Protein backbone atom coordinates (compact mmCIF):
# COMPACT_ATOMS: atom_id res chain seq x y z
CA UNK A 1 -0.02 0.07 0.03
CA UNK A 2 1.44 3.44 -0.85
CA UNK A 3 1.60 6.29 1.10
CA UNK A 4 -1.04 8.19 -0.83
CA UNK A 5 -3.67 5.50 -0.18
CA UNK A 6 -3.20 5.19 3.28
CA UNK A 7 -3.46 9.07 3.89
CA UNK A 8 -6.78 8.91 1.94
CA UNK A 9 -8.05 6.23 4.20
CA UNK A 10 -7.21 9.03 6.86
CA UNK A 11 -9.15 11.59 5.45
CA UNK A 12 -12.19 9.24 5.23
CA UNK A 13 -15.27 8.93 7.56
CA UNK A 14 -14.66 8.72 11.61
CA UNK A 15 -10.69 8.69 10.82
CA UNK A 16 -10.74 11.89 9.19
CA UNK A 17 -12.66 13.17 12.72
CA UNK A 18 -10.10 11.99 14.96
CA UNK A 19 -7.22 13.45 12.58
CA UNK A 20 -9.07 16.70 12.70
CA UNK A 21 -9.29 16.50 16.79
CA UNK A 22 -5.45 15.32 16.76
CA UNK A 23 -4.35 18.18 14.82
CA UNK A 24 -6.74 20.77 16.65
CA UNK A 25 -8.32 21.90 13.37
CA UNK A 26 -11.99 21.58 11.72
CA UNK A 27 -13.26 21.40 8.53
CA UNK A 28 -13.69 25.03 7.97
CA UNK A 29 -10.05 25.94 8.67
CA UNK A 30 -8.98 23.36 6.55
CA UNK A 31 -11.28 24.44 3.61
CA UNK A 32 -10.05 28.00 4.20
CA UNK A 33 -6.49 27.49 4.32
CA UNK A 34 -6.10 24.51 1.52
CA UNK A 35 -8.80 25.55 -1.09
CA UNK A 36 -10.52 22.11 -1.05
CA UNK A 37 -14.26 23.23 -0.64
CA UNK A 38 -15.93 22.66 3.11
CA UNK A 39 -18.48 20.32 1.16
CA UNK A 40 -15.91 18.21 -0.04
CA UNK A 41 -14.33 17.79 3.45
CA UNK A 42 -17.81 17.29 4.90
CA UNK A 43 -18.57 14.55 2.18
CA UNK A 44 -15.29 12.72 2.85
CA UNK A 45 -16.06 12.64 6.73
CA UNK A 46 -19.80 11.73 6.36
CA UNK A 47 -18.30 8.91 4.02
CA UNK A 48 -20.38 9.94 0.85
CA UNK A 49 -17.39 10.25 -1.08
CA UNK A 50 -13.86 9.47 -0.73
CA UNK A 51 -10.94 11.53 -1.25
CA UNK A 52 -9.45 12.01 -4.99
CA UNK A 53 -5.84 11.64 -5.47
CA UNK A 54 -5.43 15.72 -5.89
CA UNK A 55 -7.63 16.75 -3.23
CA UNK A 56 -6.05 14.41 -1.02
CA UNK A 57 -2.58 15.60 -1.39
CA UNK A 58 -3.60 19.08 -1.04
CA UNK A 59 -5.29 18.36 2.41
CA UNK A 60 -2.34 16.00 3.45
CA UNK A 61 0.20 18.45 2.67
CA UNK A 62 -1.61 21.02 4.69
CA UNK A 63 -2.08 18.83 7.60
CA UNK A 64 1.45 17.76 7.81
CA UNK A 65 0.91 14.12 6.72
CA UNK A 66 3.18 14.21 3.70
CA UNK A 67 6.24 15.86 3.12
CA UNK A 68 7.55 17.81 -0.20
CA UNK A 69 9.55 14.63 -0.76
CA UNK A 70 6.54 12.43 -0.50
CA UNK A 71 5.11 14.48 -3.45
CA UNK A 72 7.91 14.44 -5.20
CA UNK A 73 8.38 10.72 -5.26
CA UNK A 74 4.58 10.05 -5.79
CA UNK A 75 4.70 12.72 -8.68
CA UNK A 76 7.73 10.80 -10.16
CA UNK A 77 5.74 7.54 -10.10
CA UNK A 78 2.78 8.88 -11.55
CA UNK A 79 5.30 10.49 -14.33
CA UNK A 80 6.90 6.93 -14.98
CA UNK A 81 3.44 5.53 -15.23
CA UNK A 82 1.94 7.88 -17.63
CA UNK A 83 5.51 7.36 -19.78
CA UNK A 84 4.91 3.77 -19.82
CA UNK A 85 1.21 4.01 -20.90
CA UNK A 86 2.65 6.21 -23.92
CA UNK A 87 5.28 3.98 -24.88
CA UNK A 88 2.75 1.38 -25.19
CA UNK A 89 0.55 3.61 -27.27
CA UNK A 90 3.46 4.17 -29.77
């Protein structure tokens, strides 16, 4: 399981509620400071939807769950996947 998959689980349902309590923050503050909408965060917490990769990375970085190095590693992995797909198409 890669780090992003774990982070997305932390940002879902009751895990997200506990994480906000631990970090002494709330959905309003996260939305205001990360740019991810309050409604999106509410949906994550209620379990109506799960975080997508992009929003999860933004919120995780804001909360300090992933470092810049982690983000670089993940982006490099994604770039390699794209290169591989492009090579198969040629």
